[in-house]
Protein backbone atom coordinates (compact mmCIF):
# COMPACT_ATOMS: atom_id res chain seq x y z
CA MET A 1 -35.53 17.56 -5.55
CA VAL A 2 -32.60 18.50 -3.48
CA ALA A 3 -33.17 19.85 0.14
CA HIS A 4 -31.89 23.13 1.49
CA LYS A 5 -28.62 23.03 3.29
CA LYS A 6 -30.35 23.97 6.78
CA GLU A 7 -32.61 21.07 6.26
CA PHE A 8 -29.63 18.68 5.87
CA GLU A 9 -28.08 20.07 9.13
CA LEU A 10 -31.41 19.81 11.19
CA GLY A 11 -31.85 16.12 9.82
CA GLU A 12 -34.92 17.12 7.83
CA ARG A 13 -33.43 16.42 4.43
CA LYS A 14 -35.93 15.18 1.76
CA PHE A 15 -34.00 11.89 0.79
CA ASN A 16 -31.30 9.86 1.95
CA MET A 17 -28.00 9.96 -0.34
CA GLY A 18 -26.51 7.16 1.65
CA GLY A 19 -23.08 8.84 1.62
CA LYS A 20 -22.98 9.06 -2.37
CA SER A 21 -22.32 12.36 -4.13
CA LEU A 22 -24.92 14.22 -5.84
CA ASN A 23 -22.93 14.17 -9.04
CA GLY A 24 -22.71 10.40 -8.80
CA TYR A 25 -18.81 10.35 -9.87
CA GLU A 26 -20.14 9.59 -13.22
CA ILE A 27 -17.36 8.64 -15.70
CA ASN A 28 -16.33 11.61 -17.86
CA LYS A 29 -17.10 11.28 -21.67
CA LEU A 30 -15.25 12.57 -24.62
CA TRP A 31 -16.63 11.89 -28.14
CA ARG A 32 -14.97 12.28 -31.66
CA ASN A 33 -16.66 13.88 -34.47
CA GLU A 34 -16.66 11.55 -37.53
CA ASP A 35 -16.73 14.02 -40.48
CA GLY A 36 -19.84 15.51 -39.08
CA ARG A 37 -21.99 12.29 -39.58
CA ARG A 38 -21.75 10.45 -36.10
CA PHE A 39 -19.70 10.56 -32.77
CA THR A 40 -17.56 7.96 -31.59
CA ASP A 41 -17.05 7.27 -27.94
CA VAL A 42 -13.26 7.68 -27.27
CA SER A 43 -13.13 8.31 -23.41
CA VAL A 44 -11.11 5.40 -22.49
CA ALA A 45 -8.92 5.23 -25.29
CA SER A 46 -8.14 9.15 -25.03
CA GLY A 47 -7.46 8.90 -21.38
CA ALA A 48 -10.37 11.39 -20.57
CA GLY A 49 -12.75 8.60 -19.31
CA ASP A 50 -12.27 8.68 -15.43
CA VAL A 51 -14.60 9.33 -12.54
CA HIS A 52 -13.00 12.31 -10.86
CA ASP A 53 -15.85 14.69 -9.76
CA ALA A 54 -15.39 16.94 -12.73
CA ARG A 55 -16.75 20.48 -12.67
CA SER A 56 -15.57 21.85 -15.80
CA TYR A 57 -13.01 21.86 -18.52
CA ALA A 58 -11.16 24.26 -20.96
CA ALA A 59 -10.14 23.05 -24.65
CA CYS A 60 -7.23 25.04 -25.69
CA ASP A 61 -3.79 24.45 -27.64
CA PHE A 62 -1.85 24.93 -24.42
CA ASP A 63 1.43 23.67 -26.10
CA ARG A 64 0.77 25.61 -29.39
CA ASP A 65 1.35 22.74 -31.73
CA GLY A 66 -1.87 23.00 -33.56
CA ASP A 67 -4.28 20.56 -31.78
CA LEU A 68 -6.62 21.10 -28.80
CA ASP A 69 -5.45 19.89 -25.26
CA LEU A 70 -7.94 19.54 -22.32
CA PHE A 71 -7.57 20.76 -18.86
CA ILE A 72 -10.23 19.36 -16.46
CA ARG A 73 -10.95 20.96 -13.17
CA ASN A 74 -12.06 18.50 -10.49
CA TYR A 75 -13.67 18.92 -7.10
CA LYS A 76 -11.56 18.51 -3.94
CA THR A 77 -8.86 16.77 -5.93
CA ASP A 78 -6.15 17.55 -8.34
CA SER A 79 -7.07 18.78 -11.79
CA VAL A 80 -6.19 16.86 -14.94
CA PHE A 81 -4.39 18.06 -17.90
CA LEU A 82 -4.67 15.83 -21.14
CA ARG A 83 -2.02 16.72 -23.71
CA ASN A 84 -3.12 15.94 -27.39
CA GLU A 85 -0.75 13.64 -29.22
CA GLY A 86 -3.18 12.13 -31.59
CA ILE A 87 -3.33 11.91 -35.43
CA LYS A 88 -1.72 15.25 -37.01
CA GLY A 89 -3.23 17.39 -39.89
CA HIS A 90 -3.08 21.00 -40.77
CA TRP A 91 -4.64 23.58 -38.67
CA LEU A 92 -5.33 27.37 -38.24
CA THR A 93 -6.06 29.42 -34.89
CA VAL A 94 -7.42 32.83 -34.94
CA ARG A 95 -7.44 35.24 -32.21
CA PRO A 96 -9.40 38.37 -32.86
CA ARG A 97 -9.08 41.51 -30.84
CA GLY A 98 -11.80 44.13 -30.95
CA THR A 99 -11.30 47.89 -31.21
CA TYR A 100 -14.88 49.34 -31.84
CA SER A 101 -16.46 46.14 -30.38
CA ASN A 102 -15.29 44.78 -27.05
CA ARG A 103 -11.50 44.24 -26.84
CA ASP A 104 -11.93 40.43 -26.14
CA ALA A 105 -14.14 40.21 -29.29
CA ILE A 106 -16.77 38.34 -27.33
CA GLY A 107 -19.69 37.65 -29.80
CA THR A 108 -17.57 37.49 -32.97
CA ARG A 109 -18.32 34.85 -35.55
CA ILE A 110 -15.41 33.47 -37.58
CA GLU A 111 -15.68 31.55 -40.79
CA ILE A 112 -13.17 29.83 -43.11
CA ILE A 113 -13.53 28.17 -46.43
CA ALA A 114 -10.70 25.47 -46.99
CA GLY A 115 -10.65 22.41 -49.13
CA GLY A 116 -14.13 23.15 -50.22
CA ARG A 117 -15.57 23.10 -46.75
CA ARG A 118 -16.88 25.88 -44.32
CA GLN A 119 -16.22 25.85 -40.77
CA VAL A 120 -17.65 28.18 -38.16
CA ARG A 121 -16.61 29.18 -34.66
CA TRP A 122 -17.75 31.88 -32.10
CA ILE A 123 -15.98 33.62 -29.55
CA SER A 124 -17.92 33.40 -26.20
CA ALA A 125 -17.53 33.84 -22.65
CA GLY A 126 -18.48 32.05 -19.59
CA SER A 127 -17.82 28.76 -20.94
CA GLY A 128 -17.48 26.59 -17.42
CA TYR A 129 -17.66 26.62 -13.91
CA MET A 130 -14.57 28.87 -12.79
CA MET A 131 -13.05 27.96 -16.21
CA GLN A 132 -12.74 29.97 -19.31
CA GLN A 133 -12.02 28.97 -22.92
CA PRO A 134 -9.42 31.23 -24.62
CA ASN A 135 -10.63 33.82 -26.86
CA GLU A 136 -9.52 32.19 -30.15
CA ALA A 137 -11.03 30.13 -32.64
CA CYS A 138 -9.37 26.84 -33.68
CA PHE A 139 -9.88 24.96 -37.00
CA GLY A 140 -8.73 21.54 -37.97
CA LEU A 141 -7.83 21.55 -41.60
CA GLY A 142 -6.85 17.84 -42.57
CA ASP A 143 -4.86 17.76 -45.67
CA SER A 144 -5.72 21.29 -46.53
CA THR A 145 -2.75 23.49 -46.62
CA LYS A 146 -4.31 26.85 -47.51
CA ILE A 147 -7.40 28.68 -46.37
CA ASP A 148 -9.27 30.11 -49.27
CA MET A 149 -11.11 32.53 -47.31
CA LEU A 150 -11.23 33.63 -43.66
CA THR A 151 -14.40 35.76 -42.74
CA VAL A 152 -14.55 37.70 -39.38
CA ILE A 153 -18.07 39.03 -38.55
CA TRP A 154 -17.65 41.42 -35.62
CA PRO A 155 -20.17 42.14 -32.76
CA THR A 156 -20.82 45.58 -34.47
CA GLY A 157 -21.96 44.02 -37.68
CA SER A 158 -18.99 44.83 -39.66
CA VAL A 159 -17.44 42.12 -41.79
CA GLN A 160 -13.84 41.51 -43.04
CA HIS A 161 -12.48 38.82 -45.50
CA PHE A 162 -9.14 37.92 -45.75
CA GLY A 163 -8.28 35.45 -48.79
CA GLY A 164 -5.20 33.08 -49.54
CA VAL A 165 -4.06 32.35 -45.78
CA ASP A 166 -1.55 29.56 -45.10
CA ALA A 167 -2.35 26.88 -42.91
CA ASP A 168 -0.46 25.94 -39.69
CA GLN A 169 -0.40 29.33 -38.27
CA HIS A 170 -1.67 31.37 -35.32
CA LEU A 171 -3.04 34.51 -36.47
CA ARG A 172 -4.20 37.72 -34.82
CA VAL A 173 -7.04 39.74 -36.46
CA ILE A 174 -7.60 43.35 -35.32
CA GLU A 175 -10.74 44.92 -36.08
CA GLY A 176 -10.63 47.41 -38.80
CA GLN A 177 -7.24 46.47 -39.80
CA ASP A 178 -6.72 45.18 -43.48
CA SER A 179 -4.19 42.41 -42.86
CA VAL A 180 -3.64 39.60 -40.66
CA GLU A 181 -0.76 39.38 -37.94
CA VAL A 182 1.04 36.05 -37.85
CA LEU A 183 1.87 35.28 -34.07
CA PRO A 184 5.21 33.27 -33.22
CA THR A 185 4.82 29.37 -32.97
CA LEU A 186 6.53 28.64 -29.75
CA PRO A 187 8.74 25.33 -29.83
CA GLN A 188 6.68 22.53 -28.26
CA PRO A 189 7.81 21.82 -24.52
CA VAL A 190 9.31 18.57 -23.68
CA LEU A 191 7.60 17.05 -20.84
CA PRO A 192 9.67 15.55 -17.88
CA PRO A 193 9.54 11.81 -17.66
CA VAL A 194 7.48 10.21 -14.87
CA ASP A 195 9.08 9.90 -11.62
CA LEU A 196 9.86 6.11 -11.25
CA GLY A 197 10.72 6.46 -7.62
CA THR A 198 13.99 8.74 -7.42
CA GLY A 199 12.19 11.64 -5.88
CA ASP A 200 8.92 10.65 -4.14
CA PRO A 201 9.54 11.54 -0.42
CA MET A 202 6.41 9.53 0.53
CA MET A 203 7.55 6.32 -1.11
CA ALA A 204 10.78 6.73 0.92
CA LYS A 205 9.15 7.25 4.32
CA LEU A 206 7.04 4.04 3.46
CA SER A 207 9.95 1.96 2.65
CA ALA A 208 11.77 3.01 5.87
CA ALA A 209 8.49 2.55 8.17
CA ASP A 210 8.21 -0.28 10.55
CA ILE A 211 5.37 -2.27 9.00
CA ARG A 212 5.11 -5.87 10.09
CA ASP A 213 3.06 -8.96 9.13
CA LEU A 214 0.87 -10.89 11.40
CA ASP A 215 3.82 -12.91 12.35
CA GLY A 216 5.90 -10.04 13.26
CA ASN A 217 8.12 -10.07 10.27
CA ARG A 218 9.17 -6.62 8.74
CA VAL A 219 7.56 -5.74 5.46
CA ASP A 220 8.44 -3.22 2.91
CA VAL A 221 5.02 -2.30 1.26
CA THR A 222 6.90 -0.31 -1.51
CA LYS A 223 8.29 -3.75 -2.84
CA LEU A 224 4.93 -5.51 -3.26
CA GLY A 225 4.84 -5.04 -6.95
CA GLY A 226 2.16 -2.86 -8.53
CA PRO A 227 -0.21 -1.18 -8.86
CA VAL A 228 -0.68 -1.55 -4.97
CA LEU A 229 -3.69 -0.15 -3.19
CA ILE A 230 -3.07 0.44 0.66
CA SER A 231 -5.48 0.91 3.09
CA PHE A 232 -4.81 2.13 6.56
CA TRP A 233 -7.39 1.32 9.11
CA ALA A 234 -8.04 0.57 12.72
CA THR A 235 -10.10 -1.90 14.46
CA TRP A 236 -12.10 0.62 16.49
CA CYS A 237 -12.93 2.39 13.24
CA ASN A 238 -16.52 1.41 12.18
CA VAL A 239 -15.89 3.38 8.84
CA CYS A 240 -12.81 1.15 8.31
CA ARG A 241 -14.59 -1.93 8.88
CA GLY A 242 -17.48 -1.08 6.68
CA GLU A 243 -14.87 -0.48 3.86
CA PHE A 244 -13.88 -4.17 3.58
CA PRO A 245 -16.58 -5.35 1.33
CA ASP A 246 -15.63 -2.64 -1.22
CA LEU A 247 -11.99 -3.47 -0.77
CA ASN A 248 -12.60 -7.24 -1.24
CA ASN A 249 -14.51 -6.46 -4.28
CA LEU A 250 -11.80 -4.36 -5.73
CA ALA A 251 -9.10 -7.06 -4.95
CA ALA A 252 -11.21 -9.91 -6.64
CA MET A 253 -12.26 -7.84 -9.57
CA HIS A 254 -8.89 -6.46 -10.60
CA ALA A 255 -6.45 -9.37 -9.45
CA ALA A 256 -6.20 -10.33 -13.32
CA ALA A 257 -5.12 -6.72 -14.21
CA GLY A 258 -2.47 -6.87 -11.74
CA LEU A 259 -3.82 -4.88 -8.72
CA LYS A 260 -2.70 -5.91 -5.32
CA VAL A 261 -4.62 -4.68 -2.19
CA ALA A 262 -3.04 -4.63 1.32
CA GLY A 263 -4.46 -3.51 4.55
CA ILE A 264 -2.31 -1.69 7.35
CA THR A 265 -3.80 -1.82 10.75
CA VAL A 266 -2.82 1.24 12.98
CA LEU A 267 -2.40 -0.55 16.27
CA ASP A 268 -4.22 0.79 19.40
CA PRO A 269 -4.40 -1.04 22.59
CA GLN A 270 -7.59 0.41 23.38
CA GLY A 271 -9.35 -1.12 20.47
CA PRO A 272 -10.90 -4.38 19.79
CA GLU A 273 -8.47 -7.24 19.37
CA LEU A 274 -6.75 -7.58 15.62
CA LYS A 275 -7.18 -11.35 15.26
CA ALA A 276 -10.87 -11.38 16.39
CA SER A 277 -11.76 -8.34 14.19
CA LEU A 278 -10.11 -9.99 11.17
CA ALA A 279 -12.10 -13.05 11.95
CA ASP A 280 -15.32 -11.08 11.96
CA ILE A 281 -14.65 -8.99 8.74
CA LYS A 282 -12.77 -11.53 6.79
CA PRO A 283 -10.41 -9.42 4.55
CA GLY A 284 -9.41 -11.21 1.16
CA PHE A 285 -6.13 -9.58 0.95
CA PRO A 286 -2.85 -9.50 3.10
CA ILE A 287 -3.16 -7.66 6.48
CA TYR A 288 0.10 -5.87 8.00
CA THR A 289 0.38 -3.76 11.16
CA ILE A 290 1.92 -0.37 12.10
CA SER A 291 2.22 1.40 15.39
CA ARG A 292 0.29 4.59 16.09
CA GLU A 293 3.64 6.49 16.45
CA THR A 294 4.80 5.29 13.09
CA TYR A 295 1.62 6.18 11.48
CA ASP A 296 1.63 9.59 12.82
CA SER A 297 5.22 10.06 11.70
CA LEU A 298 3.88 9.22 7.93
CA PHE A 299 0.88 11.55 8.07
CA GLY A 300 1.15 14.13 10.96
CA LYS A 301 0.28 13.85 14.71
CA ASP A 302 -3.20 12.36 15.44
CA ALA A 303 -3.69 11.71 11.61
CA PRO A 304 -7.22 10.45 11.09
CA VAL A 305 -8.07 7.00 9.63
CA PRO A 306 -9.13 5.52 7.17
CA LYS A 307 -6.67 6.69 4.69
CA ALA A 308 -5.59 5.01 1.44
CA MET A 309 -3.06 5.32 -1.21
CA LEU A 310 -2.23 3.68 -4.68
CA LEU A 311 1.30 2.95 -5.33
CA ASP A 312 2.42 2.50 -8.95
CA ARG A 313 6.07 2.51 -10.48
CA GLY A 314 7.71 3.60 -7.25
CA ARG A 315 5.59 6.66 -6.50
CA VAL A 316 2.19 7.50 -4.79
CA ALA A 317 -0.18 7.66 -7.78
CA GLY A 318 -3.28 8.72 -5.64
CA THR A 319 -4.15 9.34 -1.99
CA PHE A 320 -7.67 9.01 -0.59
CA GLY A 321 -8.88 10.30 2.68
CA GLY A 322 -12.11 9.23 4.70
CA LYS A 323 -14.58 6.56 3.40
CA ILE A 324 -13.12 4.84 0.22
CA ARG A 325 -15.03 5.62 -3.09
CA PRO A 326 -14.51 2.60 -5.13
CA TYR A 327 -15.29 4.47 -8.60
CA LEU A 328 -12.79 6.97 -7.64
CA VAL A 329 -9.99 4.18 -6.93
CA LYS A 330 -10.90 2.71 -10.10
CA SER A 331 -10.14 5.76 -12.02
CA TYR A 332 -6.82 6.00 -10.80
CA LEU A 333 -6.37 2.32 -11.24
CA MET A 334 -7.44 2.72 -14.88
CA GLU A 335 -4.83 5.47 -15.06
CA ALA A 336 -2.02 3.34 -13.63
CA LEU A 337 -2.84 0.35 -15.91
CA ARG A 338 -2.96 2.53 -19.11
CA SER A 339 0.46 3.99 -18.37
CA ARG A 340 2.12 0.46 -18.29
């Protein structure tokens, strides 16, 4: 049972979430259909298996190369685009347009027979939260180079048949017309290479910032190797101090994979003394310091703490505000390690 918002505001909530998300930051799952007989979990292998707070997705041939890509919409963080570069086979897409039926052809059933097998797709609406699948049917054909029969059953009940259609085409079918229209296949775009440090302004600001170790020596945190999780904290911040067990666990669990963790203390003369605080919280990773003035120059005047960021291959791969969520950090870490 979930309490009403007003009950939370009045402190009368039905249960204590303990600072966790109602969505739980569960790992996204992607399964591959194995010839209609079973499903194989390919979440991590495909790159889809992270723990962003995902709300919806769209499967669409965004780059028009014949396979389905995924666009995942996340809550309060960047969306994720997964471009399909898997095993290639033959394919067909069909985009119906209604004339007597509704123009978007919602409710249309499209069937094909190719290589002795029948496949069926429906054109539907309202497929996700603030997300909509395109009004087209996509078919994977494997080794088949021709569609023996294409059948379109319109919402009005009328049926059209088209035979002998070649594979590897984008087609438009207009209700009532006796022939299909072949749409142009756009050239596949070339994605830009990953920025390896030549254009990330935050990395340049971090490299130039006056960050020092506990002996007063200047440190360039962008040269620590990577991936590196940087946690900015202050001795007076109880939320920050409460993060150290999670940070210690992250540092210990992922050291073998190459992850480094570093804490940067935002100095404040009004706060508890740093060395006494470190003796109390016992960090399992290096601690550096930064002045409040320099911290504000990085993140803006009176910028809050805690704040964390993951540095990888000369760029800021992820940023985290407020109390750290270990599973969310693991998601970015997995992405960084997969790309190496």
